[in-house]
Amino acid sequence: MVDIDKFITRIRYESETIGKDILEEYLAKYSIINTLFSSGQAVPFLFDFTNHTYPFFCNSSEKVLGFQASIFMTMGLKAFIGNLHPDDVNVFYYRIVPDFQRVRYSRTLTQVKKLRYTFNYRFKKNDNKYIHCLEQDIILETDKYKNPLLTFGTITDISEYKKDNVIIGTMSVLNSANEYETVYSRNYSNDSKIIYSNREMDIIRLLAKGLSSKEIGSKLNISPQTVDKHRRNMLHKAKMNNTQELVVDGIRQGWL
């Protein structure tokens, strides 16, 4: 298993620090979350990349993760990583972190500030039993080198729906239509890259919601004819007969 200190060093960015006034502004903004989510199924938090601490961790963590929020706010990232499944830590260190960094550096600074990270992992609760968690993070503050300084995220227990150990990592960017578009997605458990393009991934996810080509085109700001062309290309790549088979296959493999 990867050493925790080694893992933390890999994602530490020391080029800048977050101003105290800026941090206090975010803390004031998100303080109401404790009231809204204290008995919920999700755990919102703020994460400071410059010192690997959690300036804010919702009280719902005791219900969802089995630990009081104060433990994570006091001990920082070490407390969290120490409870991840060892196999998942390896995947994050050797594959997800490098991939996410590469994709982030390929985007403009404006796009980076609109990125959303989504990934799943196994977390060990205080009863030593693992649960399946889905984490989603957005970047609040960056340095001039596109490194995240402060992020807001949520952790949700998805054990009721997640029955395998497949790890999926996805990056999306908020577009002009206020919709998240996939810019990267990968199944890390079988180490096979998804065969579809990012645009095709956007389309297949909307197909899974039951949208027509016209409706998808409207959401993605492309013509229905372009959507249909993407659908034909996906069928050809997957050697399948219809889009229903594409959706079923995506669900079966765990990336949809």
C-alpha atoms as a PDB file:
ATOM      1  CA  MET A   1       0.000   0.000   0.000  1.00  0.00           C
ATOM      2  CA  VAL A   2       1.134   3.563  -0.737  1.00  0.00           C
ATOM      3  CA  ASP A   3       2.497   5.399   2.312  1.00  0.00           C
ATOM      4  CA  ILE A   4      -0.011   8.047   3.458  1.00  0.00           C
ATOM      5  CA  ASP A   5       2.636  10.780   3.736  1.00  0.00           C
ATOM      6  CA  LYS A   6       3.826   9.949   0.217  1.00  0.00           C
ATOM      7  CA  PHE A   7       0.255  10.188  -1.061  1.00  0.00           C
ATOM      8  CA  ILE A   8      -0.307  13.563   0.603  1.00  0.00           C
ATOM      9  CA  THR A   9       2.947  14.984  -0.751  1.00  0.00           C
ATOM     10  CA  ARG A  10       1.853  14.139  -4.285  1.00  0.00           C
ATOM     11  CA  ILE A  11      -1.213  16.352  -4.154  1.00  0.00           C
ATOM     12  CA  ARG A  12       0.232  19.217  -2.148  1.00  0.00           C
ATOM     13  CA  TYR A  13       0.493  22.599  -3.867  1.00  0.00           C
ATOM     14  CA  GLU A  14       2.596  25.159  -2.052  1.00  0.00           C
ATOM     15  CA  SER A  15       2.823  27.939  -4.627  1.00  0.00           C
ATOM     16  CA  GLU A  16       0.181  29.996  -2.831  1.00  0.00           C
ATOM     17  CA  THR A  17      -1.866  30.014   0.340  1.00  0.00           C
ATOM     18  CA  ILE A  18      -5.485  30.920   0.876  1.00  0.00           C
ATOM     19  CA  GLY A  19      -6.019  34.290   2.500  1.00  0.00           C
ATOM     20  CA  LYS A  20      -7.654  34.125   5.922  1.00  0.00           C
ATOM     21  CA  ASP A  21     -10.357  36.560   4.854  1.00  0.00           C
ATOM     22  CA  ILE A  22     -11.192  34.455   1.778  1.00  0.00           C
ATOM     23  CA  LEU A  23     -11.403  31.281   3.833  1.00  0.00           C
ATOM     24  CA  GLU A  24     -13.597  32.929   6.454  1.00  0.00           C
ATOM     25  CA  GLU A  25     -15.905  34.125   3.693  1.00  0.00           C
ATOM     26  CA  TYR A  26     -16.371  30.549   2.453  1.00  0.00           C
ATOM     27  CA  LEU A  27     -16.833  29.246   5.992  1.00  0.00           C
ATOM     28  CA  ALA A  28     -19.580  31.797   6.606  1.00  0.00           C
ATOM     29  CA  LYS A  29     -21.240  30.837   3.325  1.00  0.00           C
ATOM     30  CA  TYR A  30     -21.216  27.100   4.024  1.00  0.00           C
ATOM     31  CA  SER A  31     -21.935  27.187   7.763  1.00  0.00           C
ATOM     32  CA  ILE A  32     -25.669  26.782   7.123  1.00  0.00           C
ATOM     33  CA  ILE A  33     -24.924  23.378   5.567  1.00  0.00           C
ATOM     34  CA  ASN A  34     -24.482  21.851   9.018  1.00  0.00           C
ATOM     35  CA  THR A  35     -28.115  22.641   9.727  1.00  0.00           C
ATOM     36  CA  LEU A  36     -29.376  21.430   6.353  1.00  0.00           C
ATOM     37  CA  PHE A  37     -27.360  18.203   6.159  1.00  0.00           C
ATOM     38  CA  SER A  38     -26.773  17.224   9.798  1.00  0.00           C
ATOM     39  CA  SER A  39     -29.140  14.239   9.530  1.00  0.00           C
ATOM     40  CA  GLY A  40     -28.789  13.644   5.785  1.00  0.00           C
ATOM     41  CA  GLN A  41     -27.140  10.958   3.683  1.00  0.00           C
ATOM     42  CA  ALA A  42     -24.413  13.221   2.285  1.00  0.00           C
ATOM     43  CA  VAL A  43     -21.345  14.781   3.933  1.00  0.00           C
ATOM     44  CA  PRO A  44     -20.408  18.220   2.542  1.00  0.00           C
ATOM     45  CA  PHE A  45     -16.922  19.557   3.272  1.00  0.00           C
ATOM     46  CA  LEU A  46     -14.282  22.145   2.365  1.00  0.00           C
ATOM     47  CA  PHE A  47     -10.753  20.931   1.640  1.00  0.00           C
ATOM     48  CA  ASP A  48      -7.624  23.106   1.744  1.00  0.00           C
ATOM     49  CA  PHE A  49      -4.963  21.705  -0.602  1.00  0.00           C
ATOM     50  CA  THR A  50      -2.225  23.971   0.750  1.00  0.00           C
ATOM     51  CA  ASN A  51      -2.105  22.241   4.132  1.00  0.00           C
ATOM     52  CA  HIS A  52      -4.363  19.194   3.611  1.00  0.00           C
ATOM     53  CA  THR A  53      -6.911  20.208   6.201  1.00  0.00           C
ATOM     54  CA  TYR A  54     -10.694  20.316   6.273  1.00  0.00           C
ATOM     55  CA  PRO A  55     -11.707  23.836   7.374  1.00  0.00           C
ATOM     56  CA  PHE A  56     -15.279  22.527   7.336  1.00  0.00           C
ATOM     57  CA  PHE A  57     -16.645  18.980   7.627  1.00  0.00           C
ATOM     58  CA  CYS A  58     -20.385  18.478   8.070  1.00  0.00           C
ATOM     59  CA  ASN A  59     -21.731  16.894  11.250  1.00  0.00           C
ATOM     60  CA  SER A  60     -23.531  14.304   9.116  1.00  0.00           C
ATOM     61  CA  SER A  61     -20.175  12.478   8.938  1.00  0.00           C
ATOM     62  CA  GLU A  62     -20.960  10.659  12.164  1.00  0.00           C
ATOM     63  CA  LYS A  63     -24.096   9.163  10.629  1.00  0.00           C
ATOM     64  CA  VAL A  64     -22.668   8.466   7.176  1.00  0.00           C
ATOM     65  CA  LEU A  65     -18.985   7.675   7.836  1.00  0.00           C
ATOM     66  CA  GLY A  66     -19.134   6.638  11.485  1.00  0.00           C
ATOM     67  CA  PHE A  67     -16.751   9.344  12.732  1.00  0.00           C
ATOM     68  CA  GLN A  68     -17.356  12.777  14.217  1.00  0.00           C
ATOM     69  CA  ALA A  69     -16.545  15.717  11.968  1.00  0.00           C
ATOM     70  CA  SER A  70     -14.052  17.023  14.514  1.00  0.00           C
ATOM     71  CA  ILE A  71     -11.745  14.056  13.831  1.00  0.00           C
ATOM     72  CA  PHE A  72     -11.317  15.026  10.174  1.00  0.00           C
ATOM     73  CA  MET A  73     -11.082  18.732  10.936  1.00  0.00           C
ATOM     74  CA  THR A  74      -8.379  18.068  13.541  1.00  0.00           C
ATOM     75  CA  MET A  75      -6.336  15.370  11.792  1.00  0.00           C
ATOM     76  CA  GLY A  76      -6.915  16.437   8.193  1.00  0.00           C
ATOM     77  CA  LEU A  77      -6.438  14.252   5.143  1.00  0.00           C
ATOM     78  CA  LYS A  78      -4.452  11.606   7.037  1.00  0.00           C
ATOM     79  CA  ALA A  79      -7.527  10.664   9.030  1.00  0.00           C
ATOM     80  CA  PHE A  80      -9.534  10.225   5.846  1.00  0.00           C
ATOM     81  CA  ILE A  81      -7.005   8.331   3.729  1.00  0.00           C
ATOM     82  CA  GLY A  82      -6.231   6.062   6.659  1.00  0.00           C
ATOM     83  CA  ASN A  83      -9.743   4.658   6.385  1.00  0.00           C
ATOM     84  CA  LEU A  84      -9.799   4.082   2.626  1.00  0.00           C
ATOM     85  CA  HIS A  85      -9.443   0.546   1.316  1.00  0.00           C
ATOM     86  CA  PRO A  86      -5.714  -0.079   0.586  1.00  0.00           C
ATOM     87  CA  ASP A  87      -6.449  -1.208  -2.964  1.00  0.00           C
ATOM     88  CA  ASP A  88      -8.357   2.003  -3.650  1.00  0.00           C
ATOM     89  CA  VAL A  89      -5.527   4.155  -2.264  1.00  0.00           C
ATOM     90  CA  ASN A  90      -3.162   2.511  -4.765  1.00  0.00           C
ATOM     91  CA  VAL A  91      -5.537   3.241  -7.636  1.00  0.00           C
ATOM     92  CA  PHE A  92      -5.788   6.869  -6.585  1.00  0.00           C
ATOM     93  CA  TYR A  93      -2.048   7.385  -6.158  1.00  0.00           C
ATOM     94  CA  TYR A  94      -0.787   5.655  -9.286  1.00  0.00           C
ATOM     95  CA  ARG A  95      -3.621   6.279 -11.738  1.00  0.00           C
ATOM     96  CA  ILE A  96      -6.412   8.686 -10.812  1.00  0.00           C
ATOM     97  CA  VAL A  97      -4.323  11.557  -9.419  1.00  0.00           C
ATOM     98  CA  PRO A  98      -1.880  11.603 -12.411  1.00  0.00           C
ATOM     99  CA  ASP A  99      -4.751  11.366 -14.904  1.00  0.00           C
ATOM    100  CA  PHE A 100      -6.793  14.120 -13.248  1.00  0.00           C
ATOM    101  CA  GLN A 101      -3.720  16.361 -13.067  1.00  0.00           C
ATOM    102  CA  ARG A 102      -2.941  15.829 -16.749  1.00  0.00           C
ATOM    103  CA  VAL A 103      -6.504  16.645 -17.811  1.00  0.00           C
ATOM    104  CA  ARG A 104      -6.621  19.712 -15.546  1.00  0.00           C
ATOM    105  CA  TYR A 105      -3.390  21.125 -16.942  1.00  0.00           C
ATOM    106  CA  SER A 106      -4.756  20.691 -20.493  1.00  0.00           C
ATOM    107  CA  ARG A 107      -7.691  23.036 -19.770  1.00  0.00           C
ATOM    108  CA  THR A 108      -7.692  26.826 -19.592  1.00  0.00           C
ATOM    109  CA  LEU A 109      -7.661  28.476 -16.167  1.00  0.00           C
ATOM    110  CA  THR A 110     -11.268  29.568 -16.706  1.00  0.00           C
ATOM    111  CA  GLN A 111     -12.295  25.985 -17.447  1.00  0.00           C
ATOM    112  CA  VAL A 112     -10.362  24.640 -14.463  1.00  0.00           C
ATOM    113  CA  LYS A 113     -12.452  26.820 -12.163  1.00  0.00           C
ATOM    114  CA  LYS A 114     -15.568  25.163 -13.620  1.00  0.00           C
ATOM    115  CA  LEU A 115     -14.397  21.562 -13.246  1.00  0.00           C
ATOM    116  CA  ARG A 116     -16.208  18.900 -11.249  1.00  0.00           C
ATOM    117  CA  TYR A 117     -14.457  15.718 -10.106  1.00  0.00           C
ATOM    118  CA  THR A 118     -16.479  12.555  -9.473  1.00  0.00           C
ATOM    119  CA  PHE A 119     -15.073   9.260  -8.181  1.00  0.00           C
ATOM    120  CA  ASN A 120     -15.937   6.413  -5.848  1.00  0.00           C
ATOM    121  CA  TYR A 121     -14.072   4.376  -3.224  1.00  0.00           C
ATOM    122  CA  ARG A 122     -14.502   2.131  -0.194  1.00  0.00           C
ATOM    123  CA  PHE A 123     -14.384   3.733   3.253  1.00  0.00           C
ATOM    124  CA  LYS A 124     -13.969   1.856   6.537  1.00  0.00           C
ATOM    125  CA  LYS A 125     -16.350   3.018   9.261  1.00  0.00           C
ATOM    126  CA  ASN A 126     -15.627   2.826  12.971  1.00  0.00           C
ATOM    127  CA  ASP A 127     -17.141  -0.683  13.067  1.00  0.00           C
ATOM    128  CA  ASN A 128     -14.388  -1.794  10.621  1.00  0.00           C
ATOM    129  CA  LYS A 129     -16.930  -2.443   7.872  1.00  0.00           C
ATOM    130  CA  TYR A 130     -16.447  -0.866   4.442  1.00  0.00           C
ATOM    131  CA  ILE A 131     -19.097   1.199   2.699  1.00  0.00           C
ATOM    132  CA  HIS A 132     -19.123   2.372  -0.918  1.00  0.00           C
ATOM    133  CA  CYS A 133     -18.843   6.157  -1.229  1.00  0.00           C
ATOM    134  CA  LEU A 134     -19.305   8.561  -4.121  1.00  0.00           C
ATOM    135  CA  GLU A 135     -17.411  11.835  -3.880  1.00  0.00           C
ATOM    136  CA  GLN A 136     -18.024  14.925  -6.010  1.00  0.00           C
ATOM    137  CA  ASP A 137     -15.742  17.978  -5.791  1.00  0.00           C
ATOM    138  CA  ILE A 138     -15.770  21.420  -7.374  1.00  0.00           C
ATOM    139  CA  ILE A 139     -12.854  23.859  -7.364  1.00  0.00           C
ATOM    140  CA  LEU A 140     -13.400  27.124  -5.502  1.00  0.00           C
ATOM    141  CA  GLU A 141      -9.920  28.658  -5.601  1.00  0.00           C
ATOM    142  CA  THR A 142      -6.813  27.929  -7.725  1.00  0.00           C
ATOM    143  CA  ASP A 143      -3.299  29.262  -8.112  1.00  0.00           C
ATOM    144  CA  LYS A 144      -2.018  30.674 -11.395  1.00  0.00           C
ATOM    145  CA  TYR A 145      -0.655  27.237 -12.337  1.00  0.00           C
ATOM    146  CA  LYS A 146      -4.175  25.706 -12.373  1.00  0.00           C
ATOM    147  CA  ASN A 147      -3.616  23.832  -9.123  1.00  0.00           C
ATOM    148  CA  PRO A 148      -6.610  23.660  -6.763  1.00  0.00           C
ATOM    149  CA  LEU A 149      -6.196  25.513  -3.474  1.00  0.00           C
ATOM    150  CA  LEU A 150      -9.686  25.097  -2.050  1.00  0.00           C
ATOM    151  CA  THR A 151     -12.460  22.690  -3.040  1.00  0.00           C
ATOM    152  CA  PHE A 152     -16.019  22.024  -1.956  1.00  0.00           C
ATOM    153  CA  GLY A 153     -17.153  18.421  -2.013  1.00  0.00           C
ATOM    154  CA  THR A 154     -19.805  15.971  -0.921  1.00  0.00           C
ATOM    155  CA  ILE A 155     -19.464  12.324   0.109  1.00  0.00           C
ATOM    156  CA  THR A 156     -22.491  10.045  -0.265  1.00  0.00           C
ATOM    157  CA  ASP A 157     -22.952   6.453   0.899  1.00  0.00           C
ATOM    158  CA  ILE A 158     -24.000   4.514  -2.219  1.00  0.00           C
ATOM    159  CA  SER A 159     -23.675   1.023  -0.715  1.00  0.00           C
ATOM    160  CA  GLU A 160     -27.357   0.356  -1.305  1.00  0.00           C
ATOM    161  CA  TYR A 161     -26.789   0.635  -5.068  1.00  0.00           C
ATOM    162  CA  LYS A 162     -23.095  -0.213  -5.467  1.00  0.00           C
ATOM    163  CA  LYS A 163     -22.410  -3.944  -5.244  1.00  0.00           C
ATOM    164  CA  ASP A 164     -19.010  -4.208  -6.957  1.00  0.00           C
ATOM    165  CA  ASN A 165     -15.573  -2.675  -6.467  1.00  0.00           C
ATOM    166  CA  VAL A 166     -15.356  -0.956  -9.853  1.00  0.00           C
ATOM    167  CA  ILE A 167     -13.790   2.504  -9.535  1.00  0.00           C
ATOM    168  CA  ILE A 168     -14.919   5.158 -12.014  1.00  0.00           C
ATOM    169  CA  GLY A 169     -13.234   8.553 -12.240  1.00  0.00           C
ATOM    170  CA  THR A 170     -14.904  11.370 -14.167  1.00  0.00           C
ATOM    171  CA  MET A 171     -14.149  15.039 -14.820  1.00  0.00           C
ATOM    172  CA  SER A 172     -16.819  17.410 -16.130  1.00  0.00           C
ATOM    173  CA  VAL A 173     -16.818  21.109 -16.967  1.00  0.00           C
ATOM    174  CA  LEU A 174     -19.731  23.520 -16.601  1.00  0.00           C
ATOM    175  CA  ASN A 175     -20.643  24.878 -20.026  1.00  0.00           C
ATOM    176  CA  SER A 176     -22.431  28.032 -21.159  1.00  0.00           C
ATOM    177  CA  ALA A 177     -25.801  26.265 -20.883  1.00  0.00           C
ATOM    178  CA  ASN A 178     -25.076  25.599 -17.184  1.00  0.00           C
ATOM    179  CA  GLU A 179     -24.780  21.865 -17.914  1.00  0.00           C
ATOM    180  CA  TYR A 180     -21.850  19.679 -16.935  1.00  0.00           C
ATOM    181  CA  GLU A 181     -20.092  18.169 -19.954  1.00  0.00           C
ATOM    182  CA  THR A 182     -17.804  15.165 -19.534  1.00  0.00           C
ATOM    183  CA  VAL A 183     -14.189  15.904 -20.435  1.00  0.00           C
ATOM    184  CA  TYR A 184     -12.716  12.685 -19.047  1.00  0.00           C
ATOM    185  CA  SER A 185     -14.076   9.354 -17.804  1.00  0.00           C
ATOM    186  CA  ARG A 186     -12.337   6.077 -17.061  1.00  0.00           C
ATOM    187  CA  ASN A 187     -12.991   2.688 -15.520  1.00  0.00           C
ATOM    188  CA  TYR A 188      -9.915   2.165 -13.342  1.00  0.00           C
ATOM    189  CA  SER A 189     -10.780  -1.254 -12.026  1.00  0.00           C
ATOM    190  CA  ASN A 190     -10.313  -3.070 -15.307  1.00  0.00           C
ATOM    191  CA  ASP A 191      -7.805  -0.487 -16.608  1.00  0.00           C
ATOM    192  CA  SER A 192      -9.698  -0.187 -19.875  1.00  0.00           C
ATOM    193  CA  LYS A 193     -10.389   3.242 -21.246  1.00  0.00           C
ATOM    194  CA  ILE A 194     -13.961   3.855 -22.295  1.00  0.00           C
ATOM    195  CA  ILE A 195     -14.141   3.642 -26.079  1.00  0.00           C
ATOM    196  CA  TYR A 196     -16.441   6.639 -26.533  1.00  0.00           C
ATOM    197  CA  SER A 197     -15.438  10.284 -26.908  1.00  0.00           C
ATOM    198  CA  ASN A 198     -16.387  12.825 -24.246  1.00  0.00           C
ATOM    199  CA  ARG A 199     -19.205  14.148 -26.438  1.00  0.00           C
ATOM    200  CA  GLU A 200     -20.483  10.629 -27.010  1.00  0.00           C
ATOM    201  CA  MET A 201     -20.391  10.054 -23.256  1.00  0.00           C
ATOM    202  CA  ASP A 202     -22.555  13.146 -22.749  1.00  0.00           C
ATOM    203  CA  ILE A 203     -25.028  11.858 -25.309  1.00  0.00           C
ATOM    204  CA  ILE A 204     -25.262   8.324 -23.947  1.00  0.00           C
ATOM    205  CA  ARG A 205     -25.877   9.636 -20.421  1.00  0.00           C
ATOM    206  CA  LEU A 206     -28.754  11.756 -21.727  1.00  0.00           C
ATOM    207  CA  LEU A 207     -30.061   8.787 -23.714  1.00  0.00           C
ATOM    208  CA  ALA A 208     -30.097   6.836 -20.463  1.00  0.00           C
ATOM    209  CA  LYS A 209     -32.420   9.534 -19.064  1.00  0.00           C
ATOM    210  CA  GLY A 210     -34.836   8.891 -21.938  1.00  0.00           C
ATOM    211  CA  LEU A 211     -34.157  12.067 -23.933  1.00  0.00           C
ATOM    212  CA  SER A 212     -34.690  12.204 -27.696  1.00  0.00           C
ATOM    213  CA  SER A 213     -32.065  13.358 -30.208  1.00  0.00           C
ATOM    214  CA  LYS A 214     -33.855  16.720 -30.446  1.00  0.00           C
ATOM    215  CA  GLU A 215     -33.860  17.169 -26.665  1.00  0.00           C
ATOM    216  CA  ILE A 216     -30.207  16.126 -26.386  1.00  0.00           C
ATOM    217  CA  GLY A 217     -29.239  18.521 -29.161  1.00  0.00           C
ATOM    218  CA  SER A 218     -30.970  21.363 -27.345  1.00  0.00           C
ATOM    219  CA  LYS A 219     -29.129  20.608 -24.101  1.00  0.00           C
ATOM    220  CA  LEU A 220     -25.708  20.290 -25.748  1.00  0.00           C
ATOM    221  CA  ASN A 221     -26.184  23.107 -28.270  1.00  0.00           C
ATOM    222  CA  ILE A 222     -25.771  20.817 -31.274  1.00  0.00           C
ATOM    223  CA  SER A 223     -28.197  19.776 -34.006  1.00  0.00           C
ATOM    224  CA  PRO A 224     -30.350  16.599 -33.776  1.00  0.00           C
ATOM    225  CA  GLN A 225     -28.542  15.401 -36.915  1.00  0.00           C
ATOM    226  CA  THR A 226     -25.201  15.658 -35.112  1.00  0.00           C
ATOM    227  CA  VAL A 227     -26.646  13.686 -32.191  1.00  0.00           C
ATOM    228  CA  ASP A 228     -27.834  10.976 -34.580  1.00  0.00           C
ATOM    229  CA  LYS A 229     -24.386  10.834 -36.171  1.00  0.00           C
ATOM    230  CA  HIS A 230     -22.809  10.318 -32.739  1.00  0.00           C
ATOM    231  CA  ARG A 231     -25.335   7.590 -31.990  1.00  0.00           C
ATOM    232  CA  ARG A 232     -24.414   5.747 -35.203  1.00  0.00           C
ATOM    233  CA  ASN A 233     -20.709   6.087 -34.399  1.00  0.00           C
ATOM    234  CA  MET A 234     -21.230   4.656 -30.914  1.00  0.00           C
ATOM    235  CA  LEU A 235     -23.157   1.682 -32.283  1.00  0.00           C
ATOM    236  CA  HIS A 236     -20.362   1.045 -34.764  1.00  0.00           C
ATOM    237  CA  LYS A 237     -17.643   1.255 -32.093  1.00  0.00           C
ATOM    238  CA  ALA A 238     -19.488  -1.042 -29.702  1.00  0.00           C
ATOM    239  CA  LYS A 239     -20.741  -3.374 -32.443  1.00  0.00           C
ATOM    240  CA  MET A 240     -24.280  -3.115 -31.093  1.00  0.00           C
ATOM    241  CA  ASN A 241     -27.668  -2.862 -32.749  1.00  0.00           C
ATOM    242  CA  ASN A 242     -29.405  -0.073 -30.828  1.00  0.00           C
ATOM    243  CA  THR A 243     -28.833   2.621 -28.210  1.00  0.00           C
ATOM    244  CA  GLN A 244     -30.705   0.609 -25.581  1.00  0.00           C
ATOM    245  CA  GLU A 245     -27.922  -1.958 -25.760  1.00  0.00           C
ATOM    246  CA  LEU A 246     -25.361   0.855 -25.328  1.00  0.00           C
ATOM    247  CA  VAL A 247     -27.081   2.065 -22.170  1.00  0.00           C
ATOM    248  CA  VAL A 248     -27.398  -1.435 -20.711  1.00  0.00           C
ATOM    249  CA  ASP A 249     -23.718  -2.110 -21.436  1.00  0.00           C
ATOM    250  CA  GLY A 250     -22.702   1.153 -19.744  1.00  0.00           C
ATOM    251  CA  ILE A 251     -24.668   0.225 -16.620  1.00  0.00           C
ATOM    252  CA  ARG A 252     -23.207  -3.288 -16.621  1.00  0.00           C
ATOM    253  CA  GLN A 253     -19.625  -1.990 -16.839  1.00  0.00           C
ATOM    254  CA  GLY A 254     -20.212   0.579 -14.105  1.00  0.00           C
ATOM    255  CA  TRP A 255     -19.432   3.852 -15.917  1.00  0.00           C
ATOM    256  CA  LEU A 256     -23.055   4.871 -16.506  1.00  0.00           C
END
